């Protein structure tokens, strides 16, 4: 049973981290390079990002629940790897339910990001939120790598 629960933890983190890597380094650059305009590319990446966030939420739940199966003590929740996974979850929730809805509203107000001048106040706010979104995903990725390392070195 221990092996299976540890597998679940590795699988959850690996899936989450792998998804972020794929979206950030394969899909987003590819879509922005292949589609004819920023609006279409942004829609595709936004769609994928939402799905990735839900995968991350599920992965965090699997990781924590598997951990409870491995260690009955409540203090397990304060272990560094668990704290990092919970931080990843918090960043993902902020991105999905805080930043993305605001970006979507601004996108709707502008009608076209590509056609909106960079100095337009709506575009300025959108660009700021986009940078925040990228930063949240980057932080989640780096924290996830550390959490995966700490999970791997934790004694079984």
N, C-alpha and C. Protein backbone atom coordinates (compact mmCIF):
# COMPACT_ATOMS: atom_id res chain seq x y z
N UNK A 1 0.82 -1.20 0.00
CA UNK A 1 0.00 0.00 0.00
C UNK A 1 0.86 1.27 0.00
N UNK A 2 1.96 1.22 0.74
CA UNK A 2 2.86 2.37 0.80
C UNK A 2 3.39 2.73 -0.59
N UNK A 3 3.78 1.71 -1.33
CA UNK A 3 4.30 1.96 -2.68
C UNK A 3 3.25 2.62 -3.55
N UNK A 4 2.02 2.15 -3.47
CA UNK A 4 0.94 2.73 -4.28
C UNK A 4 0.67 4.19 -3.89
N UNK A 5 0.65 4.48 -2.61
CA UNK A 5 0.39 5.86 -2.16
C UNK A 5 1.53 6.79 -2.58
N UNK A 6 2.76 6.31 -2.47
CA UNK A 6 3.89 7.15 -2.93
C UNK A 6 3.83 7.33 -4.44
N UNK A 7 3.45 6.28 -5.17
CA UNK A 7 3.25 6.40 -6.61
C UNK A 7 2.23 7.49 -6.92
N UNK A 8 1.12 7.52 -6.18
CA UNK A 8 0.09 8.54 -6.40
C UNK A 8 0.66 9.94 -6.20
N UNK A 9 1.48 10.10 -5.17
CA UNK A 9 2.08 11.41 -4.94
C UNK A 9 2.99 11.82 -6.11
N UNK A 10 3.84 10.90 -6.54
CA UNK A 10 4.73 11.20 -7.66
C UNK A 10 3.95 11.44 -8.95
N UNK A 11 2.94 10.63 -9.17
CA UNK A 11 2.13 10.78 -10.38
C UNK A 11 1.41 12.13 -10.38
N UNK A 12 0.85 12.51 -9.23
CA UNK A 12 0.13 13.79 -9.13
C UNK A 12 1.08 14.96 -9.41
N UNK A 13 2.21 14.99 -8.72
CA UNK A 13 3.15 16.09 -8.93
C UNK A 13 3.75 16.06 -10.33
N UNK A 14 4.08 14.87 -10.82
CA UNK A 14 4.66 14.76 -12.16
C UNK A 14 3.71 15.23 -13.24
N UNK A 15 2.45 14.88 -13.09
CA UNK A 15 1.44 15.30 -14.06
C UNK A 15 1.30 16.82 -14.04
N UNK A 16 1.21 17.37 -12.85
CA UNK A 16 1.04 18.82 -12.69
C UNK A 16 2.24 19.58 -13.25
N UNK A 17 3.43 19.18 -12.83
CA UNK A 17 4.65 19.85 -13.28
C UNK A 17 4.84 19.66 -14.79
N UNK A 18 4.60 18.46 -15.26
CA UNK A 18 4.72 18.19 -16.70
C UNK A 18 3.75 19.02 -17.52
N UNK A 19 2.54 19.20 -17.00
CA UNK A 19 1.55 20.03 -17.68
C UNK A 19 2.01 21.48 -17.80
N UNK A 20 2.57 21.99 -16.71
CA UNK A 20 3.06 23.37 -16.73
C UNK A 20 4.20 23.51 -17.74
N UNK A 21 5.12 22.55 -17.72
CA UNK A 21 6.25 22.59 -18.66
C UNK A 21 5.74 22.54 -20.10
N UNK A 22 4.82 21.62 -20.38
CA UNK A 22 4.30 21.50 -21.74
C UNK A 22 3.60 22.79 -22.19
N UNK A 23 2.73 23.32 -21.34
CA UNK A 23 2.00 24.53 -21.70
C UNK A 23 2.96 25.70 -21.92
N UNK A 24 3.90 25.85 -21.02
CA UNK A 24 4.79 27.01 -21.05
C UNK A 24 5.83 26.97 -22.16
N UNK A 25 6.37 25.79 -22.43
CA UNK A 25 7.51 25.70 -23.34
C UNK A 25 7.19 25.06 -24.69
N UNK A 26 6.00 24.47 -24.83
CA UNK A 26 5.64 23.84 -26.09
C UNK A 26 4.38 24.48 -26.66
N UNK A 27 3.27 24.36 -25.93
CA UNK A 27 2.00 24.82 -26.49
C UNK A 27 1.94 26.33 -26.70
N UNK A 28 2.19 27.11 -25.65
CA UNK A 28 2.05 28.57 -25.78
C UNK A 28 2.94 29.14 -26.88
N UNK A 29 4.25 28.84 -26.89
CA UNK A 29 5.06 29.39 -27.98
C UNK A 29 4.60 28.90 -29.35
N UNK A 30 4.20 27.64 -29.43
CA UNK A 30 3.75 27.10 -30.71
C UNK A 30 2.48 27.76 -31.21
N UNK A 31 1.51 27.89 -30.33
CA UNK A 31 0.23 28.49 -30.71
C UNK A 31 0.41 29.95 -31.09
N UNK A 32 1.21 30.69 -30.30
CA UNK A 32 1.41 32.10 -30.63
C UNK A 32 2.22 32.27 -31.91
N UNK A 33 3.01 31.25 -32.25
CA UNK A 33 3.77 31.32 -33.49
C UNK A 33 3.01 30.85 -34.72
N UNK A 34 1.99 30.01 -34.51
CA UNK A 34 1.29 29.41 -35.65
C UNK A 34 -0.04 30.08 -36.00
N UNK A 35 -0.78 30.52 -34.99
CA UNK A 35 -2.09 31.11 -35.27
C UNK A 35 -1.93 32.53 -35.79
N UNK A 36 -2.89 32.98 -36.60
CA UNK A 36 -2.73 34.26 -37.30
C UNK A 36 -2.81 35.51 -36.43
N UNK A 37 -3.36 35.41 -35.21
CA UNK A 37 -3.40 36.62 -34.38
C UNK A 37 -3.37 36.28 -32.90
N UNK A 38 -3.07 37.31 -32.10
CA UNK A 38 -2.95 37.14 -30.64
C UNK A 38 -4.26 36.71 -30.00
N UNK A 39 -5.37 37.17 -30.53
CA UNK A 39 -6.66 36.86 -29.93
C UNK A 39 -6.96 35.36 -30.00
N UNK A 40 -6.73 34.77 -31.16
CA UNK A 40 -6.96 33.33 -31.30
C UNK A 40 -5.98 32.53 -30.44
N UNK A 41 -4.73 32.90 -30.49
CA UNK A 41 -3.72 32.19 -29.71
C UNK A 41 -4.02 32.30 -28.21
N UNK A 42 -4.39 33.49 -27.77
CA UNK A 42 -4.73 33.68 -26.36
C UNK A 42 -5.92 32.85 -25.93
N UNK A 43 -6.88 32.70 -26.82
CA UNK A 43 -8.06 31.87 -26.49
C UNK A 43 -7.67 30.41 -26.32
N UNK A 44 -6.81 29.90 -27.18
CA UNK A 44 -6.39 28.50 -27.08
C UNK A 44 -5.58 28.29 -25.79
N UNK A 45 -4.62 29.16 -25.54
CA UNK A 45 -3.79 29.01 -24.34
C UNK A 45 -4.63 29.20 -23.08
N UNK A 46 -5.56 30.14 -23.10
CA UNK A 46 -6.44 30.34 -21.95
C UNK A 46 -7.29 29.11 -21.66
N UNK A 47 -7.81 28.50 -22.71
CA UNK A 47 -8.57 27.26 -22.55
C UNK A 47 -7.72 26.19 -21.88
N UNK A 48 -6.51 26.02 -22.39
CA UNK A 48 -5.61 24.99 -21.85
C UNK A 48 -5.19 25.31 -20.42
N UNK A 49 -4.96 26.58 -20.14
CA UNK A 49 -4.53 26.97 -18.80
C UNK A 49 -5.61 26.65 -17.77
N UNK A 50 -6.85 26.90 -18.11
CA UNK A 50 -7.94 26.56 -17.18
C UNK A 50 -7.95 25.06 -16.90
N UNK A 51 -7.80 24.25 -17.94
CA UNK A 51 -7.76 22.79 -17.74
C UNK A 51 -6.56 22.40 -16.90
N UNK A 52 -5.42 23.03 -17.14
CA UNK A 52 -4.22 22.75 -16.34
C UNK A 52 -4.45 23.10 -14.87
N UNK A 53 -5.12 24.21 -14.62
CA UNK A 53 -5.40 24.59 -13.24
C UNK A 53 -6.26 23.55 -12.54
N UNK A 54 -7.26 23.02 -13.23
CA UNK A 54 -8.10 21.99 -12.61
C UNK A 54 -7.32 20.70 -12.39
N UNK A 55 -6.41 20.38 -13.30
CA UNK A 55 -5.53 19.23 -13.08
C UNK A 55 -4.68 19.47 -11.83
N UNK A 56 -4.17 20.69 -11.67
CA UNK A 56 -3.37 21.03 -10.50
C UNK A 56 -4.16 20.92 -9.21
N UNK A 57 -5.40 21.37 -9.22
CA UNK A 57 -6.25 21.28 -8.03
C UNK A 57 -6.46 19.81 -7.66
N UNK A 58 -6.75 18.99 -8.66
CA UNK A 58 -6.94 17.55 -8.42
C UNK A 58 -5.63 16.91 -7.95
N UNK A 59 -4.52 17.31 -8.55
CA UNK A 59 -3.22 16.75 -8.18
C UNK A 59 -2.88 17.07 -6.73
N UNK A 60 -3.17 18.29 -6.30
CA UNK A 60 -2.92 18.67 -4.91
C UNK A 60 -3.75 17.81 -3.97
N UNK A 61 -5.00 17.58 -4.31
CA UNK A 61 -5.88 16.76 -3.48
C UNK A 61 -5.35 15.33 -3.40
N UNK A 62 -4.95 14.77 -4.54
CA UNK A 62 -4.42 13.40 -4.56
C UNK A 62 -3.15 13.33 -3.71
N UNK A 63 -2.27 14.30 -3.87
CA UNK A 63 -1.01 14.31 -3.14
C UNK A 63 -1.26 14.33 -1.63
N UNK A 64 -2.11 15.23 -1.18
CA UNK A 64 -2.37 15.36 0.26
C UNK A 64 -3.09 14.13 0.80
N UNK A 65 -4.09 13.64 0.08
CA UNK A 65 -4.82 12.46 0.55
C UNK A 65 -3.92 11.23 0.61
N UNK A 66 -3.07 11.07 -0.39
CA UNK A 66 -2.12 9.94 -0.36
C UNK A 66 -1.18 10.08 0.83
N UNK A 67 -0.78 11.29 1.12
CA UNK A 67 0.09 11.52 2.28
C UNK A 67 -0.56 11.15 3.58
N UNK A 68 -1.84 11.43 3.71
CA UNK A 68 -2.56 11.03 4.92
C UNK A 68 -2.58 9.51 5.05
N UNK A 69 -2.65 8.82 3.92
CA UNK A 69 -2.60 7.37 3.96
C UNK A 69 -1.23 6.83 4.34
N UNK A 70 -0.20 7.60 4.06
CA UNK A 70 1.16 7.18 4.39
C UNK A 70 1.52 7.46 5.84
N UNK A 71 1.05 8.57 6.35
CA UNK A 71 1.40 9.00 7.71
C UNK A 71 0.13 9.46 8.40
N UNK A 72 -0.22 8.81 9.45
CA UNK A 72 -1.47 9.14 10.15
C UNK A 72 -1.35 10.42 10.98
N UNK A 73 -0.15 10.82 11.31
CA UNK A 73 0.02 11.98 12.19
C UNK A 73 -0.39 13.27 11.48
N UNK A 74 -1.05 14.15 12.21
CA UNK A 74 -1.47 15.44 11.66
C UNK A 74 -0.29 16.32 11.30
N UNK A 75 0.83 16.12 11.99
CA UNK A 75 1.98 16.98 11.72
C UNK A 75 2.54 16.77 10.32
N UNK A 76 2.10 15.71 9.64
CA UNK A 76 2.53 15.49 8.26
C UNK A 76 2.17 16.70 7.40
N UNK A 77 1.06 17.36 7.70
CA UNK A 77 0.64 18.53 6.93
C UNK A 77 1.64 19.68 7.00
N UNK A 78 2.51 19.66 8.00
CA UNK A 78 3.50 20.73 8.12
C UNK A 78 4.84 20.34 7.50
N UNK A 79 4.94 19.16 6.93
CA UNK A 79 6.18 18.74 6.26
C UNK A 79 6.45 19.70 5.10
N UNK A 80 7.73 19.99 4.83
CA UNK A 80 8.06 20.96 3.79
C UNK A 80 7.44 20.65 2.42
N UNK A 81 7.49 19.40 1.97
CA UNK A 81 6.92 19.07 0.66
C UNK A 81 5.42 19.34 0.62
N UNK A 82 4.73 19.01 1.68
CA UNK A 82 3.28 19.25 1.73
C UNK A 82 3.00 20.74 1.74
N UNK A 83 3.77 21.47 2.51
CA UNK A 83 3.59 22.93 2.56
C UNK A 83 3.79 23.53 1.16
N UNK A 84 4.76 23.01 0.42
CA UNK A 84 5.00 23.52 -0.93
C UNK A 84 3.87 23.15 -1.88
N UNK A 85 3.33 21.95 -1.76
CA UNK A 85 2.19 21.56 -2.60
C UNK A 85 0.98 22.43 -2.28
N UNK A 86 0.78 22.73 -1.01
CA UNK A 86 -0.33 23.61 -0.63
C UNK A 86 -0.10 25.03 -1.15
N UNK A 87 1.15 25.47 -1.17
CA UNK A 87 1.47 26.78 -1.75
C UNK A 87 1.20 26.77 -3.26
N UNK A 88 1.59 25.69 -3.92
CA UNK A 88 1.27 25.55 -5.35
C UNK A 88 -0.23 25.64 -5.58
N UNK A 89 -0.98 24.97 -4.73
CA UNK A 89 -2.44 25.01 -4.83
C UNK A 89 -2.95 26.43 -4.66
N UNK A 90 -2.42 27.15 -3.68
CA UNK A 90 -2.86 28.52 -3.44
C UNK A 90 -2.56 29.41 -4.65
N UNK A 91 -1.37 29.27 -5.22
CA UNK A 91 -1.02 30.07 -6.40
C UNK A 91 -1.93 29.74 -7.58
N UNK A 92 -2.24 28.46 -7.73
CA UNK A 92 -3.12 28.03 -8.81
C UNK A 92 -4.53 28.59 -8.63
N UNK A 93 -5.03 28.58 -7.40
CA UNK A 93 -6.36 29.13 -7.13
C UNK A 93 -6.40 30.64 -7.38
N UNK A 94 -5.35 31.33 -6.98
CA UNK A 94 -5.28 32.78 -7.23
C UNK A 94 -5.29 33.04 -8.74
N UNK A 95 -4.51 32.26 -9.47
CA UNK A 95 -4.44 32.44 -10.91
C UNK A 95 -5.79 32.16 -11.57
N UNK A 96 -6.39 31.03 -11.23
CA UNK A 96 -7.63 30.62 -11.91
C UNK A 96 -8.84 31.44 -11.50
N UNK A 97 -8.95 31.75 -10.23
CA UNK A 97 -10.18 32.41 -9.76
C UNK A 97 -9.99 33.89 -9.44
N UNK A 98 -8.76 34.38 -9.51
CA UNK A 98 -8.49 35.79 -9.28
C UNK A 98 -8.04 36.50 -10.55
N UNK A 99 -6.95 36.02 -11.13
CA UNK A 99 -6.34 36.70 -12.27
C UNK A 99 -7.09 36.43 -13.57
N UNK A 100 -7.36 35.17 -13.87
CA UNK A 100 -7.97 34.82 -15.17
C UNK A 100 -9.34 35.47 -15.39
N UNK A 101 -10.23 35.49 -14.42
CA UNK A 101 -11.52 36.16 -14.67
C UNK A 101 -11.36 37.65 -14.98
N UNK A 102 -10.41 38.30 -14.34
CA UNK A 102 -10.17 39.72 -14.62
C UNK A 102 -9.61 39.90 -16.01
N UNK A 103 -8.72 39.00 -16.43
CA UNK A 103 -8.20 39.06 -17.80
C UNK A 103 -9.32 38.83 -18.81
N UNK A 104 -10.19 37.88 -18.53
CA UNK A 104 -11.30 37.59 -19.44
C UNK A 104 -12.23 38.80 -19.59
N UNK A 105 -12.50 39.48 -18.48
CA UNK A 105 -13.36 40.67 -18.55
C UNK A 105 -12.71 41.76 -19.39
N UNK A 106 -11.42 41.98 -19.19
CA UNK A 106 -10.71 42.98 -19.98
C UNK A 106 -10.66 42.59 -21.45
N UNK A 107 -10.46 41.31 -21.73
CA UNK A 107 -10.44 40.83 -23.12
C UNK A 107 -11.78 41.12 -23.78
N UNK A 108 -12.87 40.90 -23.07
CA UNK A 108 -14.20 41.17 -23.61
C UNK A 108 -14.40 42.66 -23.84
N UNK A 109 -13.95 43.48 -22.91
CA UNK A 109 -14.10 44.93 -23.05
C UNK A 109 -13.29 45.47 -24.24
N UNK A 110 -12.15 44.87 -24.49
CA UNK A 110 -11.31 45.34 -25.60
C UNK A 110 -11.78 44.82 -26.94
N UNK A 111 -12.49 43.73 -26.95
CA UNK A 111 -12.94 43.05 -28.18
C UNK A 111 -11.77 42.37 -28.89
N UNK A 112 -10.63 43.06 -29.02
CA UNK A 112 -9.45 42.47 -29.63
C UNK A 112 -8.22 43.00 -28.91
N UNK A 113 -7.43 42.10 -28.36
CA UNK A 113 -6.19 42.52 -27.70
C UNK A 113 -5.22 43.05 -28.74
N UNK A 114 -5.13 42.34 -29.85
CA UNK A 114 -4.19 42.73 -30.90
C UNK A 114 -4.49 44.12 -31.46
N UNK A 115 -5.78 44.47 -31.56
CA UNK A 115 -6.17 45.76 -32.13
C UNK A 115 -6.15 46.89 -31.10
N UNK A 116 -5.98 46.56 -29.83
CA UNK A 116 -5.98 47.58 -28.78
C UNK A 116 -4.55 48.09 -28.60
N UNK A 117 -4.37 49.40 -28.72
CA UNK A 117 -3.02 49.97 -28.58
C UNK A 117 -2.43 49.67 -27.20
N UNK A 118 -1.12 49.45 -27.13
CA UNK A 118 -0.46 49.12 -25.86
C UNK A 118 -0.65 50.17 -24.77
N UNK A 119 -0.88 51.42 -25.15
CA UNK A 119 -1.03 52.48 -24.14
C UNK A 119 -2.47 52.62 -23.64
N UNK A 120 -3.41 51.91 -24.25
CA UNK A 120 -4.80 51.94 -23.81
C UNK A 120 -4.87 51.40 -22.37
N UNK A 121 -5.59 52.09 -21.46
CA UNK A 121 -5.64 51.65 -20.06
C UNK A 121 -6.12 50.20 -19.88
N UNK A 122 -7.04 49.77 -20.72
CA UNK A 122 -7.51 48.38 -20.63
C UNK A 122 -6.37 47.42 -20.99
N UNK A 123 -5.63 47.75 -22.03
CA UNK A 123 -4.52 46.90 -22.46
C UNK A 123 -3.40 46.92 -21.42
N UNK A 124 -3.16 48.08 -20.82
CA UNK A 124 -2.13 48.18 -19.78
C UNK A 124 -2.48 47.25 -18.62
N UNK A 125 -3.75 47.28 -18.19
CA UNK A 125 -4.19 46.39 -17.10
C UNK A 125 -4.10 44.93 -17.51
N UNK A 126 -4.52 44.64 -18.75
CA UNK A 126 -4.46 43.26 -19.24
C UNK A 126 -3.01 42.76 -19.24
N UNK A 127 -2.10 43.56 -19.77
CA UNK A 127 -0.70 43.16 -19.84
C UNK A 127 -0.12 42.93 -18.44
N UNK A 128 -0.50 43.77 -17.49
CA UNK A 128 -0.04 43.61 -16.10
C UNK A 128 -0.55 42.29 -15.53
N UNK A 129 -1.83 41.98 -15.77
CA UNK A 129 -2.40 40.72 -15.30
C UNK A 129 -1.75 39.53 -16.00
N UNK A 130 -1.45 39.68 -17.27
CA UNK A 130 -0.79 38.60 -18.00
C UNK A 130 0.58 38.31 -17.39
N UNK A 131 1.33 39.35 -17.08
CA UNK A 131 2.63 39.15 -16.42
C UNK A 131 2.46 38.46 -15.07
N UNK A 132 1.41 38.84 -14.33
CA UNK A 132 1.14 38.19 -13.05
C UNK A 132 0.82 36.71 -13.26
N UNK A 133 0.03 36.42 -14.29
CA UNK A 133 -0.34 35.03 -14.59
C UNK A 133 0.90 34.20 -14.93
N UNK A 134 1.77 34.74 -15.76
CA UNK A 134 3.00 34.05 -16.12
C UNK A 134 3.87 33.84 -14.88
N UNK A 135 3.94 34.85 -14.04
CA UNK A 135 4.73 34.74 -12.80
C UNK A 135 4.17 33.68 -11.86
N UNK A 136 2.86 33.61 -11.75
CA UNK A 136 2.24 32.59 -10.89
C UNK A 136 2.53 31.19 -11.41
N UNK A 137 2.46 30.99 -12.73
CA UNK A 137 2.76 29.67 -13.30
C UNK A 137 4.23 29.33 -13.12
N UNK A 138 5.10 30.31 -13.33
CA UNK A 138 6.53 30.08 -13.15
C UNK A 138 6.86 29.71 -11.72
N UNK A 139 6.27 30.43 -10.78
CA UNK A 139 6.51 30.13 -9.36
C UNK A 139 5.96 28.75 -9.01
N UNK A 140 4.80 28.41 -9.53
CA UNK A 140 4.21 27.10 -9.27
C UNK A 140 5.13 26.00 -9.80
N UNK A 141 5.68 26.21 -10.98
CA UNK A 141 6.60 25.23 -11.56
C UNK A 141 7.84 25.05 -10.68
N UNK A 142 8.49 26.14 -10.32
CA UNK A 142 9.72 26.04 -9.52
C UNK A 142 9.45 25.42 -8.15
N UNK A 143 8.37 25.82 -7.52
CA UNK A 143 8.00 25.25 -6.22
C UNK A 143 7.69 23.76 -6.38
N UNK A 144 7.03 23.41 -7.49
CA UNK A 144 6.70 22.02 -7.75
C UNK A 144 7.94 21.16 -7.90
N UNK A 145 8.95 21.67 -8.56
CA UNK A 145 10.20 20.92 -8.72
C UNK A 145 10.84 20.65 -7.36
N UNK A 146 10.84 21.67 -6.51
CA UNK A 146 11.40 21.49 -5.16
C UNK A 146 10.54 20.49 -4.38
N UNK A 147 9.22 20.60 -4.48
CA UNK A 147 8.34 19.67 -3.77
C UNK A 147 8.56 18.24 -4.25
N UNK A 148 8.76 18.07 -5.54
CA UNK A 148 9.02 16.73 -6.07
C UNK A 148 10.34 16.18 -5.52
N UNK A 149 11.35 17.01 -5.47
CA UNK A 149 12.63 16.58 -4.90
C UNK A 149 12.46 16.18 -3.44
N UNK A 150 11.77 17.01 -2.67
CA UNK A 150 11.58 16.70 -1.25
C UNK A 150 10.74 15.43 -1.07
N UNK A 151 9.80 15.21 -1.95
CA UNK A 151 8.99 13.99 -1.88
C UNK A 151 9.86 12.78 -2.19
N UNK A 152 10.75 12.91 -3.13
CA UNK A 152 11.61 11.80 -3.52
C UNK A 152 12.60 11.43 -2.40
N UNK A 153 13.06 12.42 -1.65
CA UNK A 153 14.05 12.12 -0.62
C UNK A 153 13.43 11.75 0.73
N UNK A 154 12.12 11.96 0.88
CA UNK A 154 11.45 11.62 2.12
C UNK A 154 11.50 10.10 2.31
N UNK A 155 11.84 9.61 3.48
CA UNK A 155 11.89 8.15 3.67
C UNK A 155 10.50 7.54 3.53
N UNK A 156 10.44 6.35 2.95
CA UNK A 156 9.15 5.68 2.77
C UNK A 156 8.74 4.94 4.02
